[in-house]
């Protein structure tokens, strides 16, 4: 009987002790250099997140998984993503820049 209770307590504590995972923001896109007038697809490849927020190069914000952006001119464009989850209040951020050539 003692061993049954001990095993039950160990199992319950093992199940109840879920390890918290910090969100890991990551931005994915096919290449780092695009031609002017190309449509740039940028995807969220983050891990351990439940919420996300993009900041586009023009300053607009969106909360979709994949964004599409057509740059207005050649130049360098920066994309920023913030991710969070229910275990962590802080938003975790990463940025990536791409080059658009003429």
N, C-alpha and C. Protein backbone atom coordinates (compact mmCIF):
# COMPACT_ATOMS: atom_id res chain seq x y z
N UNK A 1 0.83 -1.20 0.00
CA UNK A 1 0.00 0.00 0.00
C UNK A 1 0.87 1.26 0.00
N UNK A 2 1.95 1.26 0.84
CA UNK A 2 2.83 2.42 0.90
C UNK A 2 3.41 2.73 -0.47
N UNK A 3 3.81 1.66 -1.16
CA UNK A 3 4.45 1.86 -2.46
C UNK A 3 3.46 2.39 -3.50
N UNK A 4 2.22 1.98 -3.40
CA UNK A 4 1.19 2.48 -4.34
C UNK A 4 0.99 3.97 -4.16
N UNK A 5 0.92 4.43 -2.93
CA UNK A 5 0.74 5.85 -2.64
C UNK A 5 1.97 6.64 -3.10
N UNK A 6 3.14 6.10 -2.83
CA UNK A 6 4.38 6.76 -3.24
C UNK A 6 4.47 6.89 -4.76
N UNK A 7 4.13 5.84 -5.46
CA UNK A 7 4.15 5.88 -6.93
C UNK A 7 3.12 6.87 -7.45
N UNK A 8 1.96 6.90 -6.85
CA UNK A 8 0.91 7.84 -7.25
C UNK A 8 1.37 9.28 -7.04
N UNK A 9 1.99 9.58 -5.92
CA UNK A 9 2.48 10.93 -5.64
C UNK A 9 3.56 11.32 -6.65
N UNK A 10 4.47 10.43 -6.94
CA UNK A 10 5.54 10.71 -7.91
C UNK A 10 4.95 10.97 -9.29
N UNK A 11 4.00 10.16 -9.72
CA UNK A 11 3.37 10.36 -11.02
C UNK A 11 2.63 11.68 -11.11
N UNK A 12 1.88 12.02 -10.09
CA UNK A 12 1.14 13.28 -10.09
C UNK A 12 2.10 14.47 -10.14
N UNK A 13 3.16 14.44 -9.36
CA UNK A 13 4.11 15.56 -9.36
C UNK A 13 4.84 15.64 -10.70
N UNK A 14 5.12 14.52 -11.32
CA UNK A 14 5.80 14.52 -12.62
C UNK A 14 4.90 15.15 -13.69
N UNK A 15 3.63 14.79 -13.68
CA UNK A 15 2.69 15.33 -14.66
C UNK A 15 2.44 16.82 -14.41
N UNK A 16 2.34 17.21 -13.16
CA UNK A 16 2.03 18.59 -12.82
C UNK A 16 3.19 19.55 -13.05
N UNK A 17 4.40 19.06 -13.09
CA UNK A 17 5.58 19.93 -13.23
C UNK A 17 5.99 20.07 -14.69
N UNK A 18 5.20 20.78 -15.44
CA UNK A 18 5.53 21.03 -16.83
C UNK A 18 6.62 22.09 -16.89
N UNK A 19 7.65 21.84 -17.66
CA UNK A 19 8.74 22.80 -17.79
C UNK A 19 8.28 23.97 -18.67
N UNK A 20 8.51 25.18 -18.19
CA UNK A 20 8.15 26.36 -18.97
C UNK A 20 9.16 26.56 -20.09
N UNK A 21 8.68 26.93 -21.24
CA UNK A 21 9.53 27.18 -22.40
C UNK A 21 9.44 28.64 -22.77
N UNK A 22 10.57 29.31 -22.83
CA UNK A 22 10.58 30.70 -23.30
C UNK A 22 10.29 30.72 -24.79
N UNK A 23 9.51 31.71 -25.25
CA UNK A 23 9.29 31.84 -26.68
C UNK A 23 10.63 32.10 -27.39
N UNK A 24 10.77 31.54 -28.57
CA UNK A 24 11.98 31.72 -29.38
C UNK A 24 11.58 32.31 -30.72
N UNK A 25 11.71 33.64 -30.86
CA UNK A 25 11.29 34.27 -32.11
C UNK A 25 12.25 33.94 -33.26
N UNK A 26 11.68 33.68 -34.42
CA UNK A 26 12.49 33.41 -35.60
C UNK A 26 11.71 33.82 -36.84
N UNK A 27 12.41 34.49 -37.77
CA UNK A 27 11.83 34.93 -39.03
C UNK A 27 12.45 34.10 -40.15
N UNK A 28 11.60 33.61 -41.06
CA UNK A 28 12.09 32.82 -42.20
C UNK A 28 11.63 33.45 -43.51
N UNK A 29 12.53 33.52 -44.45
CA UNK A 29 12.17 33.86 -45.82
C UNK A 29 13.15 33.20 -46.76
N UNK A 30 12.75 33.07 -48.02
CA UNK A 30 13.49 32.27 -48.98
C UNK A 30 14.89 32.75 -49.29
N UNK A 31 15.09 34.03 -49.38
CA UNK A 31 16.40 34.57 -49.74
C UNK A 31 16.58 35.93 -49.09
N UNK A 32 17.78 36.45 -49.11
CA UNK A 32 18.04 37.74 -48.47
C UNK A 32 18.16 38.88 -49.46
N UNK A 33 18.17 38.56 -50.76
CA UNK A 33 18.22 39.60 -51.79
C UNK A 33 17.07 39.36 -52.76
N UNK A 34 16.26 40.40 -52.98
CA UNK A 34 15.13 40.35 -53.89
C UNK A 34 15.29 41.43 -54.94
N UNK A 35 14.58 41.28 -56.03
CA UNK A 35 14.55 42.30 -57.08
C UNK A 35 13.37 43.23 -56.81
N UNK A 36 13.52 44.48 -57.25
CA UNK A 36 12.46 45.47 -57.14
C UNK A 36 11.18 44.94 -57.79
N UNK A 37 10.06 45.13 -57.14
CA UNK A 37 8.72 44.69 -57.53
C UNK A 37 8.44 43.22 -57.24
N UNK A 38 9.43 42.48 -56.68
CA UNK A 38 9.15 41.13 -56.21
C UNK A 38 8.22 41.21 -54.99
N UNK A 39 7.39 40.22 -54.81
CA UNK A 39 6.61 40.11 -53.58
C UNK A 39 7.43 39.28 -52.61
N UNK A 40 7.65 39.83 -51.43
CA UNK A 40 8.45 39.17 -50.41
C UNK A 40 7.51 38.46 -49.45
N UNK A 41 7.70 37.15 -49.29
CA UNK A 41 6.93 36.38 -48.32
C UNK A 41 7.83 36.14 -47.10
N UNK A 42 7.35 36.55 -45.95
CA UNK A 42 8.10 36.41 -44.71
C UNK A 42 7.24 35.59 -43.75
N UNK A 43 7.83 34.52 -43.20
CA UNK A 43 7.06 33.61 -42.34
C UNK A 43 7.56 33.62 -40.91
N UNK A 44 6.65 33.33 -40.02
CA UNK A 44 6.97 33.17 -38.61
C UNK A 44 7.42 31.73 -38.39
N UNK A 45 8.66 31.52 -37.99
CA UNK A 45 9.19 30.19 -37.69
C UNK A 45 9.52 30.06 -36.20
N UNK A 46 8.87 30.86 -35.38
CA UNK A 46 9.15 30.88 -33.95
C UNK A 46 8.72 29.58 -33.28
N UNK A 47 9.26 29.36 -32.08
CA UNK A 47 8.91 28.18 -31.28
C UNK A 47 8.38 28.62 -29.93
N UNK A 48 7.51 27.81 -29.36
CA UNK A 48 6.99 27.98 -28.00
C UNK A 48 6.25 29.30 -27.81
N UNK A 49 5.44 29.70 -28.76
CA UNK A 49 4.72 30.96 -28.66
C UNK A 49 3.22 30.70 -28.79
N UNK A 50 2.43 31.63 -28.27
CA UNK A 50 0.99 31.58 -28.47
C UNK A 50 0.47 32.86 -29.11
N UNK A 51 1.25 33.93 -29.03
CA UNK A 51 0.86 35.19 -29.65
C UNK A 51 2.02 35.78 -30.44
N UNK A 52 1.68 36.51 -31.51
CA UNK A 52 2.72 37.12 -32.32
C UNK A 52 2.27 38.48 -32.82
N UNK A 53 3.24 39.29 -33.18
CA UNK A 53 2.97 40.63 -33.72
C UNK A 53 4.13 41.01 -34.63
N UNK A 54 3.81 41.35 -35.88
CA UNK A 54 4.81 41.80 -36.85
C UNK A 54 4.84 43.32 -36.91
N UNK A 55 6.03 43.87 -37.12
CA UNK A 55 6.18 45.27 -37.51
C UNK A 55 6.77 45.24 -38.91
N UNK A 56 6.01 45.78 -39.85
CA UNK A 56 6.43 45.79 -41.25
C UNK A 56 7.43 46.93 -41.48
N UNK A 57 8.15 46.89 -42.60
CA UNK A 57 9.11 47.97 -42.88
C UNK A 57 8.48 49.36 -42.94
N UNK A 58 7.20 49.44 -43.29
CA UNK A 58 6.54 50.75 -43.35
C UNK A 58 5.91 51.16 -42.02
N UNK A 59 6.10 50.34 -40.97
CA UNK A 59 5.60 50.66 -39.64
C UNK A 59 4.25 50.07 -39.30
N UNK A 60 3.55 49.50 -40.27
CA UNK A 60 2.25 48.89 -39.97
C UNK A 60 2.46 47.60 -39.19
N UNK A 61 1.41 47.18 -38.48
CA UNK A 61 1.48 45.97 -37.66
C UNK A 61 0.43 44.97 -38.12
N UNK A 62 0.73 43.69 -37.95
CA UNK A 62 -0.21 42.63 -38.26
C UNK A 62 0.07 41.43 -37.37
N UNK A 63 -0.91 40.52 -37.27
CA UNK A 63 -0.78 39.35 -36.40
C UNK A 63 -1.01 38.05 -37.15
N UNK A 64 -0.66 37.99 -38.42
CA UNK A 64 -0.81 36.77 -39.22
C UNK A 64 0.50 36.00 -39.23
N UNK A 65 0.45 34.72 -39.57
CA UNK A 65 1.65 33.87 -39.57
C UNK A 65 2.63 34.23 -40.68
N UNK A 66 2.11 34.48 -41.88
CA UNK A 66 2.96 34.82 -43.03
C UNK A 66 2.52 36.17 -43.57
N UNK A 67 3.50 37.02 -43.82
CA UNK A 67 3.18 38.34 -44.38
C UNK A 67 3.76 38.44 -45.78
N UNK A 68 3.11 39.26 -46.59
CA UNK A 68 3.55 39.51 -47.96
C UNK A 68 3.77 41.00 -48.10
N UNK A 69 4.89 41.37 -48.67
CA UNK A 69 5.26 42.78 -48.76
C UNK A 69 5.86 43.06 -50.13
N UNK A 70 5.38 44.12 -50.78
CA UNK A 70 5.95 44.56 -52.05
C UNK A 70 6.67 45.88 -51.77
N UNK A 71 8.01 45.87 -51.83
CA UNK A 71 8.76 47.08 -51.51
C UNK A 71 8.51 48.18 -52.55
N UNK A 72 8.38 49.44 -52.10
CA UNK A 72 8.09 50.53 -53.02
C UNK A 72 9.30 50.99 -53.83
N UNK A 73 10.50 50.59 -53.43
CA UNK A 73 11.73 51.02 -54.13
C UNK A 73 12.87 50.10 -53.70
N UNK A 74 13.97 50.09 -54.45
CA UNK A 74 15.14 49.34 -54.00
C UNK A 74 15.64 49.88 -52.65
N UNK A 75 16.25 49.03 -51.86
CA UNK A 75 16.77 49.44 -50.56
C UNK A 75 16.86 48.27 -49.61
N UNK A 76 17.06 48.58 -48.34
CA UNK A 76 17.12 47.56 -47.29
C UNK A 76 15.85 47.69 -46.46
N UNK A 77 15.18 46.57 -46.25
CA UNK A 77 13.92 46.55 -45.52
C UNK A 77 14.04 45.62 -44.32
N UNK A 78 13.56 46.12 -43.17
CA UNK A 78 13.68 45.38 -41.91
C UNK A 78 12.31 44.92 -41.45
N UNK A 79 12.22 43.63 -41.10
CA UNK A 79 11.01 43.02 -40.57
C UNK A 79 11.28 42.65 -39.11
N UNK A 80 10.32 42.93 -38.25
CA UNK A 80 10.45 42.63 -36.81
C UNK A 80 9.27 41.79 -36.37
N UNK A 81 9.55 40.77 -35.57
CA UNK A 81 8.47 39.97 -34.99
C UNK A 81 8.64 39.93 -33.47
N UNK A 82 7.52 40.02 -32.78
CA UNK A 82 7.45 39.86 -31.33
C UNK A 82 6.59 38.63 -31.05
N UNK A 83 7.05 37.74 -30.19
CA UNK A 83 6.25 36.58 -29.79
C UNK A 83 6.18 36.50 -28.27
N UNK A 84 5.11 35.87 -27.78
CA UNK A 84 4.95 35.65 -26.35
C UNK A 84 4.18 34.35 -26.15
N UNK A 85 4.06 33.94 -24.90
CA UNK A 85 3.21 32.80 -24.56
C UNK A 85 2.62 33.00 -23.17
N UNK A 86 1.79 32.08 -22.76
CA UNK A 86 1.08 32.24 -21.49
C UNK A 86 1.99 32.12 -20.27
N UNK A 87 3.18 31.53 -20.44
CA UNK A 87 4.10 31.38 -19.32
C UNK A 87 4.97 32.61 -19.09
N UNK A 88 5.11 33.45 -20.11
CA UNK A 88 5.99 34.62 -20.02
C UNK A 88 5.24 35.86 -20.50
N UNK A 89 5.25 36.89 -19.68
CA UNK A 89 4.56 38.13 -20.03
C UNK A 89 5.36 38.92 -21.07
N UNK A 90 6.66 38.87 -20.98
CA UNK A 90 7.53 39.63 -21.87
C UNK A 90 7.39 39.17 -23.31
N UNK A 91 7.41 40.14 -24.24
CA UNK A 91 7.47 39.80 -25.65
C UNK A 91 8.93 39.61 -26.04
N UNK A 92 9.19 38.59 -26.81
CA UNK A 92 10.54 38.31 -27.30
C UNK A 92 10.60 38.76 -28.75
N UNK A 93 11.69 39.42 -29.12
CA UNK A 93 11.77 40.12 -30.40
C UNK A 93 12.97 39.65 -31.21
N UNK A 94 12.79 39.61 -32.53
CA UNK A 94 13.91 39.44 -33.44
C UNK A 94 13.63 40.25 -34.70
N UNK A 95 14.68 40.64 -35.39
CA UNK A 95 14.55 41.38 -36.64
C UNK A 95 15.41 40.75 -37.71
N UNK A 96 15.00 40.93 -38.94
CA UNK A 96 15.79 40.49 -40.09
C UNK A 96 15.63 41.54 -41.19
N UNK A 97 16.72 41.76 -41.89
CA UNK A 97 16.69 42.72 -43.00
C UNK A 97 16.94 42.00 -44.31
N UNK A 98 16.30 42.51 -45.34
CA UNK A 98 16.53 41.98 -46.69
C UNK A 98 16.90 43.15 -47.60
N UNK A 99 17.61 42.82 -48.65
CA UNK A 99 18.03 43.82 -49.63
C UNK A 99 17.19 43.67 -50.88
N UNK A 100 16.70 44.80 -51.40
CA UNK A 100 15.95 44.82 -52.65
C UNK A 100 16.78 45.59 -53.66
N UNK A 101 17.13 44.91 -54.76
CA UNK A 101 17.97 45.52 -55.79
C UNK A 101 17.12 46.01 -56.97
N UNK A 102 17.65 46.94 -57.76
CA UNK A 102 16.88 47.45 -58.92
C UNK A 102 16.63 46.37 -59.98
